[in-house]
């Protein structure tokens, strides 16, 4: 037997600070809402990936800088004050 939906179980969404019952939205509005929800998820994933990429770049940049610091004395010795 299907459970009858009560008023407290209705799905609602807050848009621009105003609460709306999803059941009251038109099919077009529901489609637009689904697009926004999907894009929010993708933006969150991209932000997470961006943080990982920035951290990885920082790691490799630190490795490059350490390598260059080790190489500097060799370059100065090889030039012999030319």
PDB file of N, CA and C in Angstrom:
ATOM      1  N   UNK A   1       0.852  -1.172   0.000  1.00  0.00           N
ATOM      2  CA  UNK A   1       0.000   0.000   0.000  1.00  0.00           C
ATOM      3  C   UNK A   1       0.900   1.238   0.000  1.00  0.00           C
ATOM      4  N   UNK A   2       0.606   2.159  -0.886  1.00  0.00           N
ATOM      5  CA  UNK A   2       1.408   3.377  -0.995  1.00  0.00           C
ATOM      6  C   UNK A   2       1.115   4.304   0.178  1.00  0.00           C
ATOM      7  N   UNK A   3       2.155   4.873   0.692  1.00  0.00           N
ATOM      8  CA  UNK A   3       2.024   5.804   1.808  1.00  0.00           C
ATOM      9  C   UNK A   3       1.607   7.166   1.258  1.00  0.00           C
ATOM     10  N   UNK A   4       0.572   7.738   1.839  1.00  0.00           N
ATOM     11  CA  UNK A   4       0.104   9.042   1.403  1.00  0.00           C
ATOM     12  C   UNK A   4       1.077  10.113   1.881  1.00  0.00           C
ATOM     13  N   UNK A   5       1.473  11.013   0.964  1.00  0.00           N
ATOM     14  CA  UNK A   5       2.422  12.076   1.293  1.00  0.00           C
ATOM     15  C   UNK A   5       1.742  13.130   2.157  1.00  0.00           C
ATOM     16  N   UNK A   6       2.351  13.424   3.293  1.00  0.00           N
ATOM     17  CA  UNK A   6       1.799  14.470   4.153  1.00  0.00           C
ATOM     18  C   UNK A   6       2.485  15.789   3.815  1.00  0.00           C
ATOM     19  N   UNK A   7       1.941  16.854   4.339  1.00  0.00           N
ATOM     20  CA  UNK A   7       2.472  18.181   4.061  1.00  0.00           C
ATOM     21  C   UNK A   7       3.924  18.324   4.519  1.00  0.00           C
ATOM     22  N   UNK A   8       4.289  17.678   5.627  1.00  0.00           N
ATOM     23  CA  UNK A   8       5.662  17.799   6.126  1.00  0.00           C
ATOM     24  C   UNK A   8       6.635  16.975   5.291  1.00  0.00           C
ATOM     25  N   UNK A   9       6.143  16.023   4.489  1.00  0.00           N
ATOM     26  CA  UNK A   9       7.009  15.192   3.669  1.00  0.00           C
ATOM     27  C   UNK A   9       7.192  15.747   2.255  1.00  0.00           C
ATOM     28  N   UNK A  10       6.492  16.806   1.923  1.00  0.00           N
ATOM     29  CA  UNK A  10       6.631  17.382   0.591  1.00  0.00           C
ATOM     30  C   UNK A  10       8.042  17.904   0.395  1.00  0.00           C
ATOM     31  N   UNK A  11       8.573  17.695  -0.797  1.00  0.00           N
ATOM     32  CA  UNK A  11       9.902  18.207  -1.102  1.00  0.00           C
ATOM     33  C   UNK A  11       9.802  19.703  -1.374  1.00  0.00           C
ATOM     34  N   UNK A  12      10.711  20.420  -0.744  1.00  0.00           N
ATOM     35  CA  UNK A  12      10.763  21.863  -0.969  1.00  0.00           C
ATOM     36  C   UNK A  12      12.167  22.247  -1.383  1.00  0.00           C
ATOM     37  N   UNK A  13      12.260  23.405  -1.998  1.00  0.00           N
ATOM     38  CA  UNK A  13      13.544  23.943  -2.428  1.00  0.00           C
ATOM     39  C   UNK A  13      13.530  25.437  -2.125  1.00  0.00           C
ATOM     40  N   UNK A  14      14.680  25.948  -1.695  1.00  0.00           N
ATOM     41  CA  UNK A  14      14.800  27.378  -1.415  1.00  0.00           C
ATOM     42  C   UNK A  14      15.518  28.021  -2.593  1.00  0.00           C
ATOM     43  N   UNK A  15      14.848  28.981  -3.224  1.00  0.00           N
ATOM     44  CA  UNK A  15      15.400  29.702  -4.365  1.00  0.00           C
ATOM     45  C   UNK A  15      15.356  31.187  -4.038  1.00  0.00           C
ATOM     46  N   UNK A  16      16.538  31.786  -4.005  1.00  0.00           N
ATOM     47  CA  UNK A  16      16.660  33.209  -3.667  1.00  0.00           C
ATOM     48  C   UNK A  16      15.981  33.541  -2.333  1.00  0.00           C
ATOM     49  N   UNK A  17      16.170  32.649  -1.360  1.00  0.00           N
ATOM     50  CA  UNK A  17      15.639  32.883  -0.021  1.00  0.00           C
ATOM     51  C   UNK A  17      14.168  32.567   0.134  1.00  0.00           C
ATOM     52  N   UNK A  18      13.520  32.090  -0.909  1.00  0.00           N
ATOM     53  CA  UNK A  18      12.092  31.793  -0.841  1.00  0.00           C
ATOM     54  C   UNK A  18      11.872  30.294  -1.017  1.00  0.00           C
ATOM     55  N   UNK A  19      11.102  29.695  -0.111  1.00  0.00           N
ATOM     56  CA  UNK A  19      10.841  28.258  -0.155  1.00  0.00           C
ATOM     57  C   UNK A  19       9.705  27.953  -1.123  1.00  0.00           C
ATOM     58  N   UNK A  20       9.931  26.939  -1.963  1.00  0.00           N
ATOM     59  CA  UNK A  20       8.926  26.528  -2.952  1.00  0.00           C
ATOM     60  C   UNK A  20       8.691  25.028  -2.835  1.00  0.00           C
ATOM     61  N   UNK A  21       7.434  24.603  -2.968  1.00  0.00           N
ATOM     62  CA  UNK A  21       7.123  23.177  -3.058  1.00  0.00           C
ATOM     63  C   UNK A  21       7.459  22.723  -4.468  1.00  0.00           C
ATOM     64  N   UNK A  22       8.246  21.657  -4.569  1.00  0.00           N
ATOM     65  CA  UNK A  22       8.638  21.161  -5.887  1.00  0.00           C
ATOM     66  C   UNK A  22       7.403  20.744  -6.687  1.00  0.00           C
ATOM     67  N   UNK A  23       6.402  20.215  -6.005  1.00  0.00           N
ATOM     68  CA  UNK A  23       5.177  19.782  -6.681  1.00  0.00           C
ATOM     69  C   UNK A  23       4.454  20.944  -7.352  1.00  0.00           C
ATOM     70  N   UNK A  24       4.701  22.165  -6.883  1.00  0.00           N
ATOM     71  CA  UNK A  24       4.035  23.336  -7.448  1.00  0.00           C
ATOM     72  C   UNK A  24       4.777  23.912  -8.652  1.00  0.00           C
ATOM     73  N   UNK A  25       5.976  23.418  -8.935  1.00  0.00           N
ATOM     74  CA  UNK A  25       6.760  23.938 -10.048  1.00  0.00           C
ATOM     75  C   UNK A  25       6.301  23.318 -11.359  1.00  0.00           C
ATOM     76  N   UNK A  26       6.445  24.087 -12.428  1.00  0.00           N
ATOM     77  CA  UNK A  26       6.105  23.576 -13.760  1.00  0.00           C
ATOM     78  C   UNK A  26       7.190  22.607 -14.222  1.00  0.00           C
ATOM     79  N   UNK A  27       6.891  21.774 -15.204  1.00  0.00           N
ATOM     80  CA  UNK A  27       7.932  20.878 -15.729  1.00  0.00           C
ATOM     81  C   UNK A  27       9.173  21.638 -16.210  1.00  0.00           C
ATOM     82  N   UNK A  28       8.970  22.797 -16.813  1.00  0.00           N
ATOM     83  CA  UNK A  28      10.106  23.613 -17.256  1.00  0.00           C
ATOM     84  C   UNK A  28      10.943  24.069 -16.061  1.00  0.00           C
ATOM     85  N   UNK A  29      10.275  24.516 -14.996  1.00  0.00           N
ATOM     86  CA  UNK A  29      10.983  24.968 -13.797  1.00  0.00           C
ATOM     87  C   UNK A  29      11.737  23.817 -13.133  1.00  0.00           C
ATOM     88  N   UNK A  30      11.146  22.637 -13.125  1.00  0.00           N
ATOM     89  CA  UNK A  30      11.822  21.465 -12.557  1.00  0.00           C
ATOM     90  C   UNK A  30      13.054  21.124 -13.391  1.00  0.00           C
ATOM     91  N   UNK A  31      12.929  21.211 -14.707  1.00  0.00           N
ATOM     92  CA  UNK A  31      14.077  20.970 -15.575  1.00  0.00           C
ATOM     93  C   UNK A  31      15.197  21.961 -15.318  1.00  0.00           C
ATOM     94  N   UNK A  32      14.844  23.226 -15.166  1.00  0.00           N
ATOM     95  CA  UNK A  32      15.854  24.255 -14.870  1.00  0.00           C
ATOM     96  C   UNK A  32      16.484  24.019 -13.506  1.00  0.00           C
ATOM     97  N   UNK A  33      15.672  23.643 -12.524  1.00  0.00           N
ATOM     98  CA  UNK A  33      16.183  23.338 -11.186  1.00  0.00           C
ATOM     99  C   UNK A  33      17.160  22.169 -11.241  1.00  0.00           C
ATOM    100  N   UNK A  34      16.810  21.136 -12.006  1.00  0.00           N
ATOM    101  CA  UNK A  34      17.705  19.985 -12.145  1.00  0.00           C
ATOM    102  C   UNK A  34      19.031  20.387 -12.786  1.00  0.00           C
ATOM    103  N   UNK A  35      18.992  21.296 -13.742  1.00  0.00           N
ATOM    104  CA  UNK A  35      20.222  21.788 -14.362  1.00  0.00           C
ATOM    105  C   UNK A  35      21.096  22.499 -13.324  1.00  0.00           C
ATOM    106  N   UNK A  36      20.472  23.351 -12.514  1.00  0.00           N
ATOM    107  CA  UNK A  36      21.213  24.101 -11.497  1.00  0.00           C
ATOM    108  C   UNK A  36      21.823  23.152 -10.469  1.00  0.00           C
ATOM    109  N   UNK A  37      21.057  22.167 -10.026  1.00  0.00           N
ATOM    110  CA  UNK A  37      21.559  21.195  -9.042  1.00  0.00           C
ATOM    111  C   UNK A  37      22.729  20.415  -9.632  1.00  0.00           C
ATOM    112  N   UNK A  38      22.604  19.975 -10.887  1.00  0.00           N
ATOM    113  CA  UNK A  38      23.679  19.239 -11.541  1.00  0.00           C
ATOM    114  C   UNK A  38      24.932  20.104 -11.671  1.00  0.00           C
ATOM    115  N   UNK A  39      24.753  21.356 -12.074  1.00  0.00           N
ATOM    116  CA  UNK A  39      25.900  22.257 -12.217  1.00  0.00           C
ATOM    117  C   UNK A  39      26.554  22.552 -10.871  1.00  0.00           C
ATOM    118  N   UNK A  40      25.758  22.672  -9.807  1.00  0.00           N
ATOM    119  CA  UNK A  40      26.340  22.862  -8.465  1.00  0.00           C
ATOM    120  C   UNK A  40      27.243  21.685  -8.110  1.00  0.00           C
ATOM    121  N   UNK A  41      26.796  20.482  -8.430  1.00  0.00           N
ATOM    122  CA  UNK A  41      27.617  19.303  -8.164  1.00  0.00           C
ATOM    123  C   UNK A  41      28.906  19.318  -8.959  1.00  0.00           C
ATOM    124  N   UNK A  42      28.809  19.679 -10.235  1.00  0.00           N
ATOM    125  CA  UNK A  42      29.999  19.731 -11.088  1.00  0.00           C
ATOM    126  C   UNK A  42      30.969  20.818 -10.625  1.00  0.00           C
ATOM    127  N   UNK A  43      30.446  21.949 -10.215  1.00  0.00           N
ATOM    128  CA  UNK A  43      31.298  23.035  -9.702  1.00  0.00           C
ATOM    129  C   UNK A  43      32.017  22.568  -8.441  1.00  0.00           C
ATOM    130  N   UNK A  44      31.314  21.859  -7.584  1.00  0.00           N
ATOM    131  CA  UNK A  44      31.938  21.325  -6.375  1.00  0.00           C
ATOM    132  C   UNK A  44      33.059  20.355  -6.714  1.00  0.00           C
ATOM    133  N   UNK A  45      32.817  19.473  -7.696  1.00  0.00           N
ATOM    134  CA  UNK A  45      33.849  18.523  -8.110  1.00  0.00           C
ATOM    135  C   UNK A  45      35.048  19.245  -8.710  1.00  0.00           C
ATOM    136  N   UNK A  46      34.786  20.263  -9.524  1.00  0.00           N
ATOM    137  CA  UNK A  46      35.880  21.016 -10.132  1.00  0.00           C
ATOM    138  C   UNK A  46      36.684  21.776  -9.084  1.00  0.00           C
ATOM    139  N   UNK A  47      36.011  22.325  -8.090  1.00  0.00           N
ATOM    140  CA  UNK A  47      36.708  23.034  -7.013  1.00  0.00           C
ATOM    141  C   UNK A  47      37.602  22.074  -6.241  1.00  0.00           C
ATOM    142  N   UNK A  48      37.098  20.877  -5.994  1.00  0.00           N
ATOM    143  CA  UNK A  48      37.881  19.851  -5.303  1.00  0.00           C
ATOM    144  C   UNK A  48      39.105  19.479  -6.136  1.00  0.00           C
ATOM    145  N   UNK A  49      38.897  19.260  -7.432  1.00  0.00           N
ATOM    146  CA  UNK A  49      40.008  18.921  -8.326  1.00  0.00           C
ATOM    147  C   UNK A  49      41.011  20.064  -8.419  1.00  0.00           C
ATOM    148  N   UNK A  50      40.520  21.293  -8.495  1.00  0.00           N
ATOM    149  CA  UNK A  50      41.409  22.444  -8.570  1.00  0.00           C
ATOM    150  C   UNK A  50      42.314  22.516  -7.345  1.00  0.00           C
ATOM    151  N   UNK A  51      41.753  22.265  -6.163  1.00  0.00           N
ATOM    152  CA  UNK A  51      42.565  22.276  -4.944  1.00  0.00           C
ATOM    153  C   UNK A  51      43.651  21.205  -5.012  1.00  0.00           C
ATOM    154  N   UNK A  52      43.307  20.040  -5.552  1.00  0.00           N
ATOM    155  CA  UNK A  52      44.307  18.976  -5.704  1.00  0.00           C
ATOM    156  C   UNK A  52      45.392  19.395  -6.693  1.00  0.00           C
ATOM    157  N   UNK A  53      44.995  19.973  -7.805  1.00  0.00           N
ATOM    158  CA  UNK A  53      45.963  20.398  -8.826  1.00  0.00           C
ATOM    159  C   UNK A  53      46.899  21.478  -8.280  1.00  0.00           C
ATOM    160  N   UNK A  54      46.327  22.416  -7.520  1.00  0.00           N
ATOM    161  CA  UNK A  54      47.160  23.476  -6.953  1.00  0.00           C
ATOM    162  C   UNK A  54      48.152  22.919  -5.946  1.00  0.00           C
ATOM    163  N   UNK A  55      47.709  21.956  -5.139  1.00  0.00           N
ATOM    164  CA  UNK A  55      48.618  21.338  -4.172  1.00  0.00           C
ATOM    165  C   UNK A  55      49.720  20.562  -4.892  1.00  0.00           C
ATOM    166  N   UNK A  56      49.355  19.830  -5.929  1.00  0.00           N
ATOM    167  CA  UNK A  56      50.353  19.074  -6.693  1.00  0.00           C
ATOM    168  C   UNK A  56      51.334  20.020  -7.378  1.00  0.00           C
ATOM    169  N   UNK A  57      50.838  21.118  -7.919  1.00  0.00           N
ATOM    170  CA  UNK A  57      51.719  22.099  -8.557  1.00  0.00           C
ATOM    171  C   UNK A  57      52.692  22.673  -7.528  1.00  0.00           C
ATOM    172  N   UNK A  58      52.193  22.976  -6.338  1.00  0.00           N
ATOM    173  CA  UNK A  58      53.057  23.493  -5.275  1.00  0.00           C
ATOM    174  C   UNK A  58      54.146  22.506  -4.912  1.00  0.00           C
ATOM    175  N   UNK A  59      53.791  21.213  -4.853  1.00  0.00           N
ATOM    176  CA  UNK A  59      54.775  20.183  -4.549  1.00  0.00           C
ATOM    177  C   UNK A  59      55.862  20.142  -5.624  1.00  0.00           C
ATOM    178  N   UNK A  60      55.450  20.106  -6.890  1.00  0.00           N
ATOM    179  CA  UNK A  60      56.431  20.022  -7.972  1.00  0.00           C
ATOM    180  C   UNK A  60      57.256  21.297  -8.094  1.00  0.00           C
ATOM    181  N   UNK A  61      56.655  22.436  -7.797  1.00  0.00           N
ATOM    182  CA  UNK A  61      57.398  23.693  -7.818  1.00  0.00           C
ATOM    183  C   UNK A  61      58.460  23.692  -6.721  1.00  0.00           C
ATOM    184  N   UNK A  62      58.108  23.173  -5.546  1.00  0.00           N
ATOM    185  CA  UNK A  62      59.079  23.078  -4.455  1.00  0.00           C
ATOM    186  C   UNK A  62      60.217  22.142  -4.835  1.00  0.00           C
ATOM    187  N   UNK A  63      59.886  21.040  -5.505  1.00  0.00           N
ATOM    188  CA  UNK A  63      60.930  20.109  -5.959  1.00  0.00           C
ATOM    189  C   UNK A  63      61.849  20.774  -6.981  1.00  0.00           C
ATOM    190  N   UNK A  64      61.265  21.548  -7.896  1.00  0.00           N
ATOM    191  CA  UNK A  64      62.052  22.265  -8.901  1.00  0.00           C
ATOM    192  C   UNK A  64      62.963  23.293  -8.238  1.00  0.00           C
ATOM    193  N   UNK A  65      62.411  24.054  -7.294  1.00  0.00           N
ATOM    194  CA  UNK A  65      63.220  25.060  -6.588  1.00  0.00           C
ATOM    195  C   UNK A  65      64.366  24.408  -5.825  1.00  0.00           C
ATOM    196  N   UNK A  66      64.102  23.277  -5.164  1.00  0.00           N
ATOM    197  CA  UNK A  66      65.158  22.573  -4.434  1.00  0.00           C
ATOM    198  C   UNK A  66      66.232  22.088  -5.398  1.00  0.00           C
ATOM    199  N   UNK A  67      65.808  21.613  -6.545  1.00  0.00           N
ATOM    200  CA  UNK A  67      66.757  21.138  -7.547  1.00  0.00           C
ATOM    201  C   UNK A  67      67.608  22.283  -8.080  1.00  0.00           C
ATOM    202  N   UNK A  68      66.988  23.430  -8.295  1.00  0.00           N
ATOM    203  CA  UNK A  68      67.728  24.596  -8.797  1.00  0.00           C
ATOM    204  C   UNK A  68      68.710  25.114  -7.754  1.00  0.00           C
ATOM    205  N   UNK A  69      68.317  25.076  -6.473  1.00  0.00           N
ATOM    206  CA  UNK A  69      69.219  25.519  -5.406  1.00  0.00           C
ATOM    207  C   UNK A  69      70.441  24.619  -5.315  1.00  0.00           C
ATOM    208  N   UNK A  70      70.262  23.340  -5.538  1.00  0.00           N
ATOM    209  CA  UNK A  70      71.391  22.400  -5.532  1.00  0.00           C
ATOM    210  C   UNK A  70      72.283  22.618  -6.748  1.00  0.00           C
ATOM    211  N   UNK A  71      71.686  23.032  -7.859  1.00  0.00           N
ATOM    212  CA  UNK A  71      72.434  23.216  -9.103  1.00  0.00           C
ATOM    213  C   UNK A  71      73.185  24.543  -9.107  1.00  0.00           C
ATOM    214  N   UNK A  72      72.757  25.552  -8.363  1.00  0.00           N
ATOM    215  CA  UNK A  72      73.383  26.877  -8.388  1.00  0.00           C
ATOM    216  C   UNK A  72      74.880  26.864  -8.050  1.00  0.00           C
ATOM    217  N   UNK A  73      75.317  26.188  -7.003  1.00  0.00           N
ATOM    218  CA  UNK A  73      76.757  26.185  -6.709  1.00  0.00           C
ATOM    219  C   UNK A  73      77.580  25.578  -7.837  1.00  0.00           C
ATOM    220  N   UNK A  74      77.045  24.588  -8.524  1.00  0.00           N
ATOM    221  CA  UNK A  74      77.756  23.974  -9.642  1.00  0.00           C
ATOM    222  C   UNK A  74      77.910  24.962 -10.790  1.00  0.00           C
ATOM    223  N   UNK A  75      76.868  25.732 -11.050  1.00  0.00           N
ATOM    224  CA  UNK A  75      76.912  26.713 -12.135  1.00  0.00           C
ATOM    225  C   UNK A  75      77.954  27.782 -11.824  1.00  0.00           C
ATOM    226  N   UNK A  76      77.992  28.255 -10.575  1.00  0.00           N
ATOM    227  CA  UNK A  76      78.963  29.283 -10.187  1.00  0.00           C
ATOM    228  C   UNK A  76      80.385  28.727 -10.261  1.00  0.00           C
ATOM    229  N   UNK A  77      80.602  27.489  -9.831  1.00  0.00           N
ATOM    230  CA  UNK A  77      81.947  26.882  -9.870  1.00  0.00           C
ATOM    231  C   UNK A  77      82.390  26.655 -11.303  1.00  0.00           C
ATOM    232  N   UNK A  78      81.448  26.259 -12.154  1.00  0.00           N
ATOM    233  CA  UNK A  78      81.783  25.985 -13.555  1.00  0.00           C
ATOM    234  C   UNK A  78      82.132  27.263 -14.292  1.00  0.00           C
ATOM    235  N   UNK A  79      81.516  28.357 -13.923  1.00  0.00           N
ATOM    236  CA  UNK A  79      81.796  29.614 -14.621  1.00  0.00           C
ATOM    237  C   UNK A  79      83.172  30.158 -14.218  1.00  0.00           C
ATOM    238  N   UNK A  80      83.663  29.801 -13.055  1.00  0.00           N
ATOM    239  CA  UNK A  80      84.978  30.210 -12.597  1.00  0.00           C
ATOM    240  C   UNK A  80      85.191  31.705 -12.557  1.00  0.00           C
ATOM    241  N   UNK A  81      84.109  32.438 -12.354  1.00  0.00           N
ATOM    242  CA  UNK A  81      84.240  33.898 -12.246  1.00  0.00           C
ATOM    243  C   UNK A  81      84.434  34.553 -13.589  1.00  0.00           C
ATOM    244  N   UNK A  82      84.018  33.896 -14.656  1.00  0.00           N
ATOM    245  CA  UNK A  82      84.189  34.489 -16.000  1.00  0.00           C
ATOM    246  C   UNK A  82      83.330  35.690 -16.205  1.00  0.00           C
TER     247      UNK A  82
END
